[in-house]
Structures are given as C-alpha cells and as structure tokens.
PDB file of N, CA and C in Angstrom:
ATOM      1  N   LEU A   1      -0.812  -6.067  -4.663  1.00  0.00           N
ATOM      2  CA  LEU A   1      -2.040  -4.847  -4.225  1.00  0.00           C
ATOM      3  C   LEU A   1      -3.244  -5.819  -4.603  1.00  0.00           C
ATOM      4  N   ILE A   2      -4.354  -6.541  -3.872  1.00  0.00           N
ATOM      5  CA  ILE A   2      -5.417  -7.098  -4.010  1.00  0.00           C
ATOM      6  C   ILE A   2      -6.609  -6.392  -3.304  1.00  0.00           C
ATOM      7  N   ASN A   3      -6.889  -5.959  -4.748  1.00  0.00           N
ATOM      8  CA  ASN A   3      -8.259  -5.593  -4.146  1.00  0.00           C
ATOM      9  C   ASN A   3      -9.762  -6.514  -3.751  1.00  0.00           C
ATOM     10  N   ARG A   4     -10.020  -6.857  -2.950  1.00  0.00           N
ATOM     11  CA  ARG A   4     -11.147  -7.940  -2.572  1.00  0.00           C
ATOM     12  C   ARG A   4     -12.451  -6.901  -2.122  1.00  0.00           C
ATOM     13  N   ALA A   5     -12.536  -5.793  -2.171  1.00  0.00           N
ATOM     14  CA  ALA A   5     -13.516  -5.015  -1.346  1.00  0.00           C
ATOM     15  C   ALA A   5     -14.740  -5.322  -2.446  1.00  0.00           C
ATOM     16  N   LYS A   6     -14.708  -5.249  -3.713  1.00  0.00           N
ATOM     17  CA  LYS A   6     -15.359  -5.277  -4.674  1.00  0.00           C
ATOM     18  C   LYS A   6     -16.248  -3.459  -4.755  1.00  0.00           C
ATOM     19  N   ALA A   7     -14.864  -2.709  -4.449  1.00  0.00           N
ATOM     20  CA  ALA A   7     -15.197  -1.299  -4.625  1.00  0.00           C
ATOM     21  C   ALA A   7     -14.175  -0.558  -4.741  1.00  0.00           C
ATOM     22  N   GLU A   8     -14.278   0.626  -4.674  1.00  0.00           N
ATOM     23  CA  GLU A   8     -13.236   1.430  -5.530  1.00  0.00           C
ATOM     24  C   GLU A   8     -12.124   1.520  -4.544  1.00  0.00           C
ATOM     25  N   VAL A   9     -10.652   1.370  -4.877  1.00  0.00           N
ATOM     26  CA  VAL A   9      -9.590   1.278  -3.950  1.00  0.00           C
ATOM     27  C   VAL A   9      -8.540   2.361  -4.644  1.00  0.00           C
ATOM     28  N   TYR A  10      -7.928   3.088  -3.683  1.00  0.00           N
ATOM     29  CA  TYR A  10      -6.715   3.907  -3.792  1.00  0.00           C
ATOM     30  C   TYR A  10      -5.734   3.865  -2.876  1.00  0.00           C
ATOM     31  N   ILE A  11      -4.279   3.566  -3.386  1.00  0.00           N
ATOM     32  CA  ILE A  11      -3.705   4.053  -1.937  1.00  0.00           C
ATOM     33  C   ILE A  11      -2.706   4.767  -2.223  1.00  0.00           C
ATOM     34  N   SER A  12      -2.381   5.530  -1.487  1.00  0.00           N
ATOM     35  CA  SER A  12      -0.892   6.799  -1.377  1.00  0.00           C
ATOM     36  C   SER A  12       0.034   6.409  -0.146  1.00  0.00           C
ATOM     37  N   MET A  13       1.092   5.663  -0.450  1.00  0.00           N
ATOM     38  CA  MET A  13       2.439   5.020   0.451  1.00  0.00           C
ATOM     39  C   MET A  13       3.009   6.427   0.288  1.00  0.00           C
ATOM     40  N   ASP A  14       3.816   6.671   1.610  1.00  0.00           N
ATOM     41  CA  ASP A  14       4.915   7.816   1.474  1.00  0.00           C
ATOM     42  C   ASP A  14       5.800   7.359   2.069  1.00  0.00           C
ATOM     43  N   CYS A  15       7.092   7.427   1.685  1.00  0.00           N
ATOM     44  CA  CYS A  15       7.981   6.071   1.913  1.00  0.00           C
ATOM     45  C   CYS A  15       9.640   6.801   2.121  1.00  0.00           C
ATOM     46  N   THR A  16      10.070   6.854   2.922  1.00  0.00           N
ATOM     47  CA  THR A  16      11.633   7.103   3.592  1.00  0.00           C
ATOM     48  C   THR A  16      12.439   6.443   2.872  1.00  0.00           C
ATOM     49  N   THR A  17      13.027   6.420   2.006  1.00  0.00           N
ATOM     50  CA  THR A  17      14.243   5.335   1.496  1.00  0.00           C
ATOM     51  C   THR A  17      15.489   5.243   2.575  1.00  0.00           C
ATOM     52  N   ILE A  18      15.869   4.052   2.228  1.00  0.00           N
ATOM     53  CA  ILE A  18      17.270   3.458   3.158  1.00  0.00           C
ATOM     54  C   ILE A  18      17.934   4.585   2.910  1.00  0.00           C
ATOM     55  N   ASP A  19      18.049   5.005   1.811  1.00  0.00           N
ATOM     56  CA  ASP A  19      18.869   6.633   1.894  1.00  0.00           C
ATOM     57  C   ASP A  19      18.362   7.639   2.281  1.00  0.00           C
ATOM     58  N   GLY A  20      17.736   8.065   2.457  1.00  0.00           N
ATOM     59  CA  GLY A  20      16.765   9.436   3.325  1.00  0.00           C
ATOM     60  C   GLY A  20      16.312   9.831   2.355  1.00  0.00           C
ATOM     61  N   TYR A  21      16.034   9.371   1.109  1.00  0.00           N
ATOM     62  CA  TYR A  21      15.123  10.790   0.163  1.00  0.00           C
ATOM     63  C   TYR A  21      13.527  10.092   0.937  1.00  0.00           C
ATOM     64  N   ARG A  22      12.754  10.996   0.234  1.00  0.00           N
ATOM     65  CA  ARG A  22      11.050  11.149   0.494  1.00  0.00           C
ATOM     66  C   ARG A  22      10.415  11.164  -0.656  1.00  0.00           C
ATOM     67  N   THR A  23       9.570   9.783  -1.082  1.00  0.00           N
ATOM     68  CA  THR A  23       8.906   9.639  -2.451  1.00  0.00           C
ATOM     69  C   THR A  23       7.302   9.542  -1.729  1.00  0.00           C
ATOM     70  N   ILE A  24       6.485   9.298  -2.851  1.00  0.00           N
ATOM     71  CA  ILE A  24       4.971   9.029  -2.640  1.00  0.00           C
ATOM     72  C   ILE A  24       4.731   8.558  -4.006  1.00  0.00           C
ATOM     73  N   ILE A  25       4.103   7.434  -3.041  1.00  0.00           N
ATOM     74  CA  ILE A  25       3.391   6.387  -4.871  1.00  0.00           C
ATOM     75  C   ILE A  25       1.865   6.218  -4.256  1.00  0.00           C
ATOM     76  N   GLU A  26       1.365   6.544  -5.652  1.00  0.00           N
ATOM     77  CA  GLU A  26       0.023   6.212  -5.787  1.00  0.00           C
ATOM     78  C   GLU A  26      -0.545   5.587  -6.475  1.00  0.00           C
ATOM     79  N   TYR A  27      -1.904   4.655  -6.448  1.00  0.00           N
ATOM     80  CA  TYR A  27      -2.358   3.531  -7.499  1.00  0.00           C
ATOM     81  C   TYR A  27      -3.388   3.114  -6.957  1.00  0.00           C
ATOM     82  N   PRO A  28      -4.515   3.311  -8.177  1.00  0.00           N
ATOM     83  CA  PRO A  28      -5.702   2.833  -8.241  1.00  0.00           C
ATOM     84  C   PRO A  28      -5.648   1.399  -8.028  1.00  0.00           C
ATOM     85  N   VAL A  29      -6.226   0.568  -7.225  1.00  0.00           N
ATOM     86  CA  VAL A  29      -5.976  -0.686  -7.192  1.00  0.00           C
ATOM     87  C   VAL A  29      -7.427  -1.748  -8.014  1.00  0.00           C
ATOM     88  N   PHE A  30      -7.083  -1.966  -8.910  1.00  0.00           N
ATOM     89  CA  PHE A  30      -7.983  -3.141  -9.731  1.00  0.00           C
ATOM     90  C   PHE A  30      -7.327  -4.085  -9.650  1.00  0.00           C
ATOM     91  N   GLY A  31      -8.491  -5.058  -9.110  1.00  0.00           N
ATOM     92  CA  GLY A  31      -7.907  -6.761  -8.905  1.00  0.00           C
ATOM     93  C   GLY A  31      -6.815  -7.015  -8.399  1.00  0.00           C
ATOM     94  N   ARG A  32      -5.812  -7.663  -8.987  1.00  0.00           N
ATOM     95  CA  ARG A  32      -4.397  -8.274  -8.430  1.00  0.00           C
ATOM     96  C   ARG A  32      -3.332  -7.553  -9.134  1.00  0.00           C
ATOM     97  N   MET A  33      -2.517  -6.326  -8.336  1.00  0.00           N
ATOM     98  CA  MET A  33      -1.591  -5.769  -9.243  1.00  0.00           C
ATOM     99  C   MET A  33       0.067  -6.154  -8.540  1.00  0.00           C
ATOM    100  N   ASN A  34       0.680  -6.451  -9.149  1.00  0.00           N
ATOM    101  CA  ASN A  34       2.094  -6.509  -9.105  1.00  0.00           C
ATOM    102  C   ASN A  34       2.896  -5.226  -9.136  1.00  0.00           C
ATOM    103  N   VAL A  35       3.634  -4.609  -7.854  1.00  0.00           N
ATOM    104  CA  VAL A  35       4.002  -3.381  -8.494  1.00  0.00           C
ATOM    105  C   VAL A  35       5.272  -3.302  -7.938  1.00  0.00           C
ATOM    106  N   SER A  36       6.365  -2.482  -8.084  1.00  0.00           N
ATOM    107  CA  SER A  36       7.749  -2.302  -7.252  1.00  0.00           C
ATOM    108  C   SER A  36       7.805  -1.220  -6.477  1.00  0.00           C
ATOM    109  N   ALA A  37       8.699  -1.111  -5.863  1.00  0.00           N
ATOM    110  CA  ALA A  37       8.781  -0.168  -4.665  1.00  0.00           C
ATOM    111  C   ALA A  37       9.897  -0.129  -3.742  1.00  0.00           C
ATOM    112  N   PRO A  38      10.243   1.032  -3.686  1.00  0.00           N
ATOM    113  CA  PRO A  38      11.921   1.355  -2.769  1.00  0.00           C
ATOM    114  C   PRO A  38      12.018   0.951  -1.568  1.00  0.00           C
ATOM    115  N   LEU A  39      13.474   0.454  -1.338  1.00  0.00           N
ATOM    116  CA  LEU A  39      13.095  -0.342   0.421  1.00  0.00           C
ATOM    117  C   LEU A  39      13.224   1.181   1.114  1.00  0.00           C
ATOM    118  N   GLY A  40      12.627   0.777   2.299  1.00  0.00           N
ATOM    119  CA  GLY A  40      12.586   1.693   3.127  1.00  0.00           C
ATOM    120  C   GLY A  40      11.189   1.850   3.724  1.00  0.00           C
ATOM    121  N   SER A  41      10.725   2.959   5.009  1.00  0.00           N
ATOM    122  CA  SER A  41       9.869   2.631   5.533  1.00  0.00           C
ATOM    123  C   SER A  41       8.642   3.524   5.274  1.00  0.00           C
ATOM    124  N   TYR A  42       7.537   2.960   5.424  1.00  0.00           N
ATOM    125  CA  TYR A  42       6.607   3.307   4.812  1.00  0.00           C
ATOM    126  C   TYR A  42       5.145   3.681   5.560  1.00  0.00           C
ATOM    127  N   THR A  43       4.366   5.040   5.470  1.00  0.00           N
ATOM    128  CA  THR A  43       3.431   5.125   6.071  1.00  0.00           C
ATOM    129  C   THR A  43       1.879   4.858   4.824  1.00  0.00           C
ATOM    130  N   TYR A  44       0.876   4.661   4.682  1.00  0.00           N
ATOM    131  CA  TYR A  44      -0.068   4.695   3.892  1.00  0.00           C
ATOM    132  C   TYR A  44      -1.488   5.505   3.861  1.00  0.00           C
ATOM    133  N   VAL A  45      -2.197   5.965   3.165  1.00  0.00           N
ATOM    134  CA  VAL A  45      -3.934   5.846   3.625  1.00  0.00           C
ATOM    135  C   VAL A  45      -4.332   5.489   2.669  1.00  0.00           C
ATOM    136  N   ALA A  46      -5.398   4.793   2.649  1.00  0.00           N
ATOM    137  CA  ALA A  46      -5.952   3.547   1.499  1.00  0.00           C
ATOM    138  C   ALA A  46      -7.518   3.960   1.407  1.00  0.00           C
ATOM    139  N   TRP A  47      -8.258   4.419   0.892  1.00  0.00           N
ATOM    140  CA  TRP A  47      -9.403   4.770   0.436  1.00  0.00           C
ATOM    141  C   TRP A  47     -10.322   3.352  -0.243  1.00  0.00           C
ATOM    142  N   VAL A  48     -10.824   2.956   0.857  1.00  0.00           N
ATOM    143  CA  VAL A  48     -11.488   1.670   0.354  1.00  0.00           C
ATOM    144  C   VAL A  48     -13.071   1.894  -0.019  1.00  0.00           C
ATOM    145  N   GLY A  49     -13.752   2.131  -0.857  1.00  0.00           N
ATOM    146  CA  GLY A  49     -14.911   2.722  -0.960  1.00  0.00           C
ATOM    147  C   GLY A  49     -15.568   3.790  -0.374  1.00  0.00           C
ATOM    148  N   GLY A  50     -14.608   4.408  -0.220  1.00  0.00           N
ATOM    149  CA  GLY A  50     -15.098   6.155   0.189  1.00  0.00           C
ATOM    150  C   GLY A  50     -14.544   5.823   2.043  1.00  0.00           C
ATOM    151  N   ARG A  51     -14.068   4.777   2.477  1.00  0.00           N
ATOM    152  CA  ARG A  51     -13.746   4.997   3.648  1.00  0.00           C
ATOM    153  C   ARG A  51     -12.444   4.790   3.741  1.00  0.00           C
ATOM    154  N   ASP A  52     -11.657   5.482   4.740  1.00  0.00           N
ATOM    155  CA  ASP A  52     -10.171   5.395   4.935  1.00  0.00           C
ATOM    156  C   ASP A  52      -9.408   4.835   5.577  1.00  0.00           C
ATOM    157  N   PHE A  53      -8.526   4.106   5.500  1.00  0.00           N
ATOM    158  CA  PHE A  53      -7.773   3.066   6.433  1.00  0.00           C
ATOM    159  C   PHE A  53      -6.002   4.041   6.199  1.00  0.00           C
ATOM    160  N   GLN A  54      -5.540   3.822   7.424  1.00  0.00           N
ATOM    161  CA  GLN A  54      -4.162   4.225   7.775  1.00  0.00           C
ATOM    162  C   GLN A  54      -3.247   3.403   8.204  1.00  0.00           C
ATOM    163  N   GLY A  55      -1.736   3.564   8.124  1.00  0.00           N
ATOM    164  CA  GLY A  55      -1.264   2.355   8.505  1.00  0.00           C
ATOM    165  C   GLY A  55       0.528   2.678   8.487  1.00  0.00           C
ATOM    166  N   TRP A  56       1.036   1.694   8.598  1.00  0.00           N
ATOM    167  CA  TRP A  56       2.826   1.320   8.172  1.00  0.00           C
ATOM    168  C   TRP A  56       3.210   0.445   8.177  1.00  0.00           C
ATOM    169  N   PHE A  57       4.309   0.221   7.010  1.00  0.00           N
ATOM    170  CA  PHE A  57       4.954  -0.581   6.989  1.00  0.00           C
ATOM    171  C   PHE A  57       6.099  -0.928   6.527  1.00  0.00           C
ATOM    172  N   ARG A  58       7.165  -1.756   6.935  1.00  0.00           N
ATOM    173  CA  ARG A  58       8.650  -1.287   6.170  1.00  0.00           C
ATOM    174  C   ARG A  58       8.779  -2.597   5.077  1.00  0.00           C
ATOM    175  N   LEU A  59       9.725  -2.115   4.321  1.00  0.00           N
ATOM    176  CA  LEU A  59      10.247  -2.876   2.826  1.00  0.00           C
ATOM    177  C   LEU A  59      11.640  -3.075   3.328  1.00  0.00           C
ATOM    178  N   GLY A  60      12.124  -4.322   3.512  1.00  0.00           N
ATOM    179  CA  GLY A  60      13.546  -4.189   3.329  1.00  0.00           C
ATOM    180  C   GLY A  60      14.136  -5.541   2.223  1.00  0.00           C
ATOM    181  N   LYS A  61      15.258  -5.332   2.168  1.00  0.00           N
ATOM    182  CA  LYS A  61      16.243  -6.214   1.021  1.00  0.00           C
ATOM    183  C   LYS A  61      15.243  -7.352   1.162  1.00  0.00           C
ATOM    184  N   GLY A  62      14.872  -8.371  -0.127  1.00  0.00           N
ATOM    185  CA  GLY A  62      14.201  -9.622  -0.339  1.00  0.00           C
ATOM    186  C   GLY A  62      12.913  -9.530   0.530  1.00  0.00           C
ATOM    187  N   ASP A  63      12.358  -8.768   0.852  1.00  0.00           N
ATOM    188  CA  ASP A  63      10.931  -8.677   1.511  1.00  0.00           C
ATOM    189  C   ASP A  63      10.213  -8.699   0.210  1.00  0.00           C
ATOM    190  N   SER A  64       8.946  -9.304   0.066  1.00  0.00           N
ATOM    191  CA  SER A  64       7.546  -9.399  -0.787  1.00  0.00           C
ATOM    192  C   SER A  64       6.455  -9.170   0.285  1.00  0.00           C
ATOM    193  N   LEU A  65       5.668  -7.860  -0.252  1.00  0.00           N
ATOM    194  CA  LEU A  65       4.557  -7.667   0.601  1.00  0.00           C
ATOM    195  C   LEU A  65       3.170  -8.269  -0.229  1.00  0.00           C
ATOM    196  N   GLU A  66       2.210  -8.301   0.888  1.00  0.00           N
ATOM    197  CA  GLU A  66       0.810  -8.619  -0.084  1.00  0.00           C
ATOM    198  C   GLU A  66       0.031  -7.404   0.630  1.00  0.00           C
ATOM    199  N   ILE A  67      -0.632  -6.720   0.093  1.00  0.00           N
ATOM    200  CA  ILE A  67      -1.443  -5.559   0.994  1.00  0.00           C
ATOM    201  C   ILE A  67      -2.708  -5.993   0.103  1.00  0.00           C
ATOM    202  N   THR A  68      -3.834  -6.441   0.905  1.00  0.00           N
ATOM    203  CA  THR A  68      -4.975  -6.625   0.536  1.00  0.00           C
ATOM    204  C   THR A  68      -6.160  -5.927   1.334  1.00  0.00           C
ATOM    205  N   PHE A  69      -6.935  -5.364   0.275  1.00  0.00           N
ATOM    206  CA  PHE A  69      -8.179  -4.733   0.648  1.00  0.00           C
ATOM    207  C   PHE A  69      -9.566  -5.251   0.587  1.00  0.00           C
ATOM    208  N   GLU A  70     -10.113  -5.070   1.738  1.00  0.00           N
ATOM    209  CA  GLU A  70     -11.256  -5.607   2.134  1.00  0.00           C
ATOM    210  C   GLU A  70     -12.446  -4.300   2.365  1.00  0.00           C
ATOM    211  N   LYS A  71     -13.338  -4.432   2.456  1.00  0.00           N
ATOM    212  CA  LYS A  71     -14.510  -3.380   3.001  1.00  0.00           C
ATOM    213  C   LYS A  71     -13.946  -2.897   4.059  1.00  0.00           C
ATOM    214  N   ASP A  72     -13.650  -3.853   5.347  1.00  0.00           N
ATOM    215  CA  ASP A  72     -13.563  -3.639   6.721  1.00  0.00           C
ATOM    216  C   ASP A  72     -12.354  -3.448   7.092  1.00  0.00           C
ATOM    217  N   LYS A  73     -11.282  -3.507   6.056  1.00  0.00           N
ATOM    218  CA  LYS A  73     -10.119  -3.528   6.389  1.00  0.00           C
ATOM    219  C   LYS A  73      -8.781  -3.548   5.560  1.00  0.00           C
ATOM    220  N   VAL A  74      -7.490  -3.326   5.885  1.00  0.00           N
ATOM    221  CA  VAL A  74      -6.797  -3.521   5.188  1.00  0.00           C
ATOM    222  C   VAL A  74      -5.507  -4.599   5.663  1.00  0.00           C
ATOM    223  N   THR A  75      -5.101  -5.419   4.849  1.00  0.00           N
ATOM    224  CA  THR A  75      -3.889  -6.495   5.617  1.00  0.00           C
ATOM    225  C   THR A  75      -2.812  -6.487   5.011  1.00  0.00           C
ATOM    226  N   ILE A  76      -1.394  -6.798   5.865  1.00  0.00           N
ATOM    227  CA  ILE A  76      -0.226  -6.677   5.153  1.00  0.00           C
ATOM    228  C   ILE A  76       0.138  -7.734   5.533  1.00  0.00           C
ATOM    229  N   LYS A  77       0.724  -8.771   4.853  1.00  0.00           N
ATOM    230  CA  LYS A  77       1.689  -9.481   5.418  1.00  0.00           C
ATOM    231  C   LYS A  77       2.580  -9.902   4.002  1.00  0.00           C
TER     232      LYS A  77
END
C-alpha cells in the first residue's frame, strides 16, 4: 500500500477467500506499508482525502500486488 496522495487515506477490503470464507481487512495508509492478506477475490472502497474510490482485484498464489493511492485515482499492479 502506497500513499502518494499527500492526504489521509483509508482502505476497506472485503475478501472472499479461496476456501469460501468472508473477511474484511481495513487499514489507514501512511507512506509505504507492506501488509499480508489471504488469497481470494476482493472488492474495496478507498477514501483518499475524503473522496471515495471503489474497485476489485484478485490475489492468487505467488501474487504480489501494489496498491497506490493518489488524489485522483487508485492504481493496482
């Protein structure tokens, strides 16, 4: 998780794991943070400086994702 927005960032991720369980993971994002998360499908809501962004991604075995927050967008790669 990378906060490049120079603003307050918070992300809430709703995950359905590969075993069918549901979990919600939430973080305030300060600077650059490394976090661990279960494998599965995710939908998220991110608040960046009071503005909300929504999307989805999938985390599979061996995947390493980078979620970057800027004032006008959220990028996942």
